[in-house]
């Protein structure tokens, strides 16, 4: 069973930065995606960014393009989400998720992701 643990959330002022980490018990042996999703109170969970495990191709939601960067460290089984120029509307619980046996460029469709972390709170407020 693949386990994911997020960390790095917190309270930050608008314009500030945070780096989220997603530690995996292991990366899947087959081709896979790792995605970051977020859910604000009263809202549906939405995809933020993802990275394909083999090719390292990335995808971003339009609202975070140019501000967020996803990366992975294969030696440590960790995926990072660097978040810069944070805005109050970025406030949400952030989840990482893994999709196993998927190929090509990753997609931000929740239905594809089989494994989920418990989430970490990000609050952007002055």
Foldseek 3Di string as FASTA:
>chain_A
DKAWAKDWADEAAQQAKIKMKIAIPAADPAKKKKWKWWDDPPGDIWTAKMAIDPPRAMDGDPVQPPFWDWDDDNVRRMIMIIGGRDDQVVWTWMKMFMAPPDDDGDDTDPVRTDYIYPTDTHGYHD
